[in-house]
Amino acid sequence: MDMNLLALLPVMYVAFLFSTVCHEAAHALVAKWGGDNTAYVGGQVSLDPMPHVRREPFGLILIPMLSLFMSGGGAMFGWGSAPFDPFWQIRYPRRAALMALAGPMTNFALAAVAALVMHAGIAMGYFFPAGGLQVVAINGGLLEAFAVFISVFLKLNVLLGVFNLLPVPPLDGYSVLGLFLPEDIFLRLLEVIRSPAYSIFGLLFAWHALPYIINPAFSFAARIINLYGAVGY
């Protein structure tokens, strides 16, 4: 494996772990605000990764590490989860839909923060836009490492936000439908995902659909963020 790529793997993993922990903590916090303390009692209303890792050691450590090494750094797969009371979801489907929405919206917020950092770095002469959603450091050293991290962090959070909003079980987008559908229809849809087969089908569909969705999403994000605008282009 190329040494530069080997050095990139920890950067990708740290970006993934922090982004996923923020995503799950947002689910847990909004659930608590909505009256379900399940995740709060489990310690997941926190940016401390340990309660999240204890709940999903395979999804947050083993599988991401294996997928990174097996793909040569080309792809990473992993997941987290925040527990909730399914009976609370049935009683308050709108609150549960807001809980589901909180995760992807947190990823988009993190992407926005990363974009602001990039713009600030460009304006101060530390970074230069490298096309799309990436920056490079004017000088090397720690700034170069940070430019790599913030570029990976921005793209990863756009990806996580878009992927999780796909309206198929078991992704967040399926539960977010509760904000738009009549309550009785949404409750019937919740019955569907009790079968693991539908969740497996949903994940396979989302995985195959992602390549057709993510590049347009990156292009759209790049137009909004407009890193070249920070240098007067």
Protein backbone atom coordinates (compact mmCIF):
# COMPACT_ATOMS: atom_id res chain seq x y z
CA MET A 1 0.00 0.00 0.00
CA ASP A 2 1.27 3.47 -0.89
CA MET A 3 2.69 5.30 2.17
CA ASN A 4 0.68 8.46 1.45
CA LEU A 5 -2.48 6.37 1.31
CA LEU A 6 -1.50 4.56 4.51
CA ALA A 7 -1.15 7.92 6.26
CA LEU A 8 -4.61 8.90 5.02
CA LEU A 9 -6.39 5.94 6.64
CA PRO A 10 -6.32 7.30 10.24
CA VAL A 11 -7.56 10.66 8.95
CA MET A 12 -10.51 8.98 7.22
CA TYR A 13 -11.31 6.89 10.28
CA VAL A 14 -11.19 9.82 12.74
CA ALA A 15 -13.46 11.84 10.42
CA PHE A 16 -15.87 8.88 10.20
CA LEU A 17 -15.92 8.20 13.94
CA PHE A 18 -16.51 11.82 14.97
CA SER A 19 -19.15 12.37 12.28
CA THR A 20 -21.02 9.19 13.19
CA VAL A 21 -20.89 9.90 16.92
CA CYS A 22 -22.34 13.38 16.30
CA HIS A 23 -25.04 11.83 14.11
CA GLU A 24 -26.09 9.32 16.77
CA ALA A 25 -25.83 11.82 19.63
CA ALA A 26 -28.22 14.09 17.72
CA HIS A 27 -30.72 11.24 17.41
CA ALA A 28 -30.42 10.58 21.14
CA LEU A 29 -30.77 14.23 22.12
CA VAL A 30 -33.86 14.89 19.99
CA ALA A 31 -35.43 11.66 21.28
CA LYS A 32 -34.84 12.89 24.84
CA TRP A 33 -36.43 16.24 23.98
CA GLY A 34 -39.38 14.31 22.56
CA GLY A 35 -39.89 12.24 25.71
CA ASP A 36 -37.89 9.05 25.05
CA ASN A 37 -34.96 8.66 27.45
CA THR A 38 -33.79 5.27 26.14
CA ALA A 39 -30.60 6.53 24.47
CA TYR A 40 -30.05 9.12 27.20
CA VAL A 41 -29.99 6.40 29.86
CA GLY A 42 -27.49 4.53 27.69
CA GLY A 43 -25.17 7.54 27.77
CA GLN A 44 -25.53 8.36 24.08
CA VAL A 45 -26.50 12.01 24.48
CA SER A 46 -22.77 12.61 24.38
CA LEU A 47 -19.90 13.27 21.99
CA ASP A 48 -17.80 10.82 23.99
CA PRO A 49 -17.35 7.95 21.50
CA MET A 50 -17.17 5.22 24.14
CA PRO A 51 -20.94 4.76 24.82
CA HIS A 52 -21.48 4.61 21.07
CA VAL A 53 -18.59 2.18 20.53
CA ARG A 54 -19.82 -0.06 23.35
CA ARG A 55 -23.19 -0.28 21.59
CA GLU A 56 -21.77 -0.85 18.09
CA PRO A 57 -18.17 -2.11 18.29
CA PHE A 58 -18.43 -3.85 14.91
CA GLY A 59 -20.06 -0.91 13.13
CA LEU A 60 -17.77 1.76 14.59
CA ILE A 61 -14.42 -0.04 14.80
CA LEU A 62 -14.03 -3.46 13.20
CA ILE A 63 -15.97 -3.08 9.94
CA PRO A 64 -14.70 0.46 9.12
CA MET A 65 -11.08 -0.62 9.71
CA LEU A 66 -11.45 -3.80 7.66
CA SER A 67 -13.22 -2.04 4.80
CA LEU A 68 -10.54 0.66 4.69
CA PHE A 69 -7.67 -1.81 4.52
CA MET A 70 -9.38 -4.25 2.16
CA SER A 71 -10.29 -1.47 -0.29
CA GLY A 72 -6.86 0.14 -0.05
CA GLY A 73 -8.44 3.28 1.36
CA GLY A 74 -10.91 3.55 -1.50
CA ALA A 75 -14.04 2.87 0.55
CA MET A 76 -15.16 2.68 4.14
CA PHE A 77 -18.30 1.09 5.50
CA GLY A 78 -19.62 1.33 9.03
CA TRP A 79 -22.56 2.33 11.16
CA GLY A 80 -23.76 3.48 14.55
CA SER A 81 -27.11 3.33 16.27
CA ALA A 82 -29.07 5.07 18.99
CA PRO A 83 -31.73 2.97 20.77
CA PHE A 84 -35.29 4.21 21.10
CA ASP A 85 -38.57 2.90 22.42
CA PRO A 86 -40.64 1.57 19.47
CA PHE A 87 -43.84 2.13 21.43
CA TRP A 88 -42.84 5.80 21.83
CA GLN A 89 -42.43 5.96 18.06
CA ILE A 90 -45.94 4.55 17.57
CA ARG A 91 -47.43 6.99 20.08
CA TYR A 92 -45.53 10.00 18.73
CA PRO A 93 -44.61 9.33 15.09
CA ARG A 94 -43.93 13.01 14.35
CA ARG A 95 -41.48 13.26 17.25
CA ALA A 96 -39.80 10.05 16.08
CA ALA A 97 -39.53 11.47 12.56
CA LEU A 98 -37.80 14.57 13.95
CA MET A 99 -35.45 12.27 15.87
CA ALA A 100 -34.60 10.50 12.61
CA LEU A 101 -34.10 13.79 10.77
CA ALA A 102 -31.70 15.09 13.44
CA GLY A 103 -28.89 12.72 12.41
CA PRO A 104 -28.58 13.71 8.73
CA MET A 105 -29.16 17.37 9.54
CA THR A 106 -26.26 17.20 11.98
CA ASN A 107 -24.05 15.83 9.21
CA PHE A 108 -25.07 18.71 6.94
CA ALA A 109 -24.35 21.15 9.78
CA LEU A 110 -20.89 19.62 10.25
CA ALA A 111 -20.30 19.94 6.50
CA ALA A 112 -21.29 23.62 6.71
CA VAL A 113 -18.83 24.18 9.58
CA ALA A 114 -16.08 22.49 7.54
CA ALA A 115 -16.91 24.74 4.57
CA LEU A 116 -16.66 27.85 6.76
CA VAL A 117 -13.27 26.69 8.05
CA MET A 118 -12.12 26.19 4.46
CA HIS A 119 -13.32 29.65 3.45
CA ALA A 120 -11.55 31.17 6.45
CA GLY A 121 -8.35 29.30 5.64
CA ILE A 122 -8.48 30.46 2.01
CA ALA A 123 -9.19 34.08 3.02
CA MET A 124 -6.22 34.05 5.42
CA GLY A 125 -3.90 32.56 2.81
CA TYR A 126 -3.43 29.16 4.44
CA PHE A 127 -5.42 27.09 1.91
CA PHE A 128 -6.13 27.10 -1.79
CA PRO A 129 -9.14 25.41 -3.43
CA ALA A 130 -8.20 22.18 -5.18
CA GLY A 131 -11.46 21.61 -7.04
CA GLY A 132 -14.83 20.41 -5.83
CA LEU A 133 -14.90 20.10 -2.05
CA GLN A 134 -11.17 20.00 -1.42
CA VAL A 135 -8.47 22.41 -0.33
CA VAL A 136 -4.69 22.13 -0.22
CA ALA A 137 -2.31 23.91 2.13
CA ILE A 138 -0.12 26.68 0.77
CA ASN A 139 2.70 25.36 2.98
CA GLY A 140 3.29 21.82 4.21
CA GLY A 141 3.48 20.45 7.72
CA LEU A 142 0.50 20.37 10.04
CA LEU A 143 -1.53 22.66 7.77
CA GLU A 144 -1.22 20.14 4.97
CA ALA A 145 -2.50 17.37 7.25
CA PHE A 146 -5.36 19.60 8.42
CA ALA A 147 -6.29 20.47 4.81
CA VAL A 148 -6.57 16.75 4.06
CA PHE A 149 -8.65 16.15 7.19
CA ILE A 150 -11.09 19.02 6.60
CA SER A 151 -11.55 17.99 2.95
CA VAL A 152 -12.29 14.37 3.93
CA PHE A 153 -14.53 15.57 6.76
CA LEU A 154 -16.60 17.79 4.46
CA LYS A 155 -17.14 15.15 1.78
CA LEU A 156 -17.87 12.44 4.35
CA ASN A 157 -20.58 14.48 6.07
CA VAL A 158 -22.24 15.34 2.78
CA LEU A 159 -22.19 11.61 1.95
CA LEU A 160 -23.57 10.57 5.36
CA GLY A 161 -26.33 13.16 5.22
CA VAL A 162 -27.44 12.23 1.70
CA PHE A 163 -27.17 8.46 2.22
CA ASN A 164 -29.13 8.45 5.46
CA LEU A 165 -31.95 10.51 3.94
CA LEU A 166 -32.72 7.88 1.32
CA PRO A 167 -36.33 6.89 2.11
CA VAL A 168 -35.77 3.14 2.49
CA PRO A 169 -35.62 1.03 5.65
CA PRO A 170 -33.67 0.98 7.89
CA LEU A 171 -32.20 4.39 6.97
CA ASP A 172 -33.31 7.61 8.66
CA GLY A 173 -35.08 8.82 5.54
CA TYR A 174 -37.69 6.09 5.95
CA SER A 175 -38.67 7.39 9.39
CA VAL A 176 -38.51 11.00 8.19
CA LEU A 177 -41.48 10.14 5.96
CA GLY A 178 -43.52 10.51 9.15
CA LEU A 179 -43.25 14.28 8.77
CA PHE A 180 -44.98 14.21 5.39
CA LEU A 181 -47.36 11.24 5.32
CA PRO A 182 -50.71 10.92 7.07
CA GLU A 183 -50.18 9.30 10.45
CA ASP A 184 -52.18 6.15 9.73
CA ILE A 185 -50.24 5.46 6.51
CA PHE A 186 -46.91 6.06 8.22
CA LEU A 187 -47.79 3.70 11.07
CA ARG A 188 -48.61 1.01 8.53
CA LEU A 189 -45.22 1.59 6.91
CA LEU A 190 -43.56 1.14 10.28
CA GLU A 191 -45.10 -2.31 10.43
CA VAL A 192 -43.25 -3.18 7.24
CA ILE A 193 -39.76 -2.65 8.66
CA ARG A 194 -40.38 -5.14 11.45
CA SER A 195 -39.39 -7.76 8.88
CA PRO A 196 -35.56 -7.91 8.57
CA ALA A 197 -35.95 -8.83 4.89
CA TYR A 198 -37.20 -5.32 4.06
CA SER A 199 -34.25 -3.74 5.85
CA ILE A 200 -31.79 -5.93 3.96
CA PHE A 201 -33.49 -5.08 0.67
CA GLY A 202 -33.48 -1.38 1.59
CA LEU A 203 -29.76 -1.38 2.35
CA LEU A 204 -28.94 -3.18 -0.90
CA PHE A 205 -31.07 -0.72 -2.85
CA ALA A 206 -29.45 2.28 -1.12
CA TRP A 207 -25.94 0.91 -1.69
CA HIS A 208 -26.57 0.45 -5.41
CA ALA A 209 -28.36 3.81 -5.74
CA LEU A 210 -25.68 5.81 -3.94
CA PRO A 211 -23.21 6.12 -6.87
CA TYR A 212 -25.97 7.70 -8.99
CA ILE A 213 -26.88 10.15 -6.22
CA ILE A 214 -23.68 11.12 -4.46
CA ASN A 215 -21.76 12.69 -7.37
CA PRO A 216 -24.63 15.08 -8.19
CA ALA A 217 -24.88 15.78 -4.44
CA PHE A 218 -21.15 16.60 -4.29
CA SER A 219 -21.48 18.85 -7.34
CA PHE A 220 -24.48 20.62 -5.81
CA ALA A 221 -22.63 21.10 -2.51
CA ALA A 222 -19.57 22.44 -4.35
CA ARG A 223 -21.71 25.04 -6.14
CA ILE A 224 -23.28 26.17 -2.86
CA ILE A 225 -20.01 26.26 -0.93
CA ASN A 226 -18.10 27.83 -3.85
CA LEU A 227 -14.57 27.61 -2.45
CA TYR A 228 -13.23 29.48 -5.46
CA GLY A 229 -15.42 32.41 -4.46
CA ALA A 230 -13.16 32.88 -1.44
CA VAL A 231 -10.27 33.85 -3.73
CA GLY A 232 -12.30 36.12 -5.97
CA TYR A 233 -12.97 33.78 -8.90
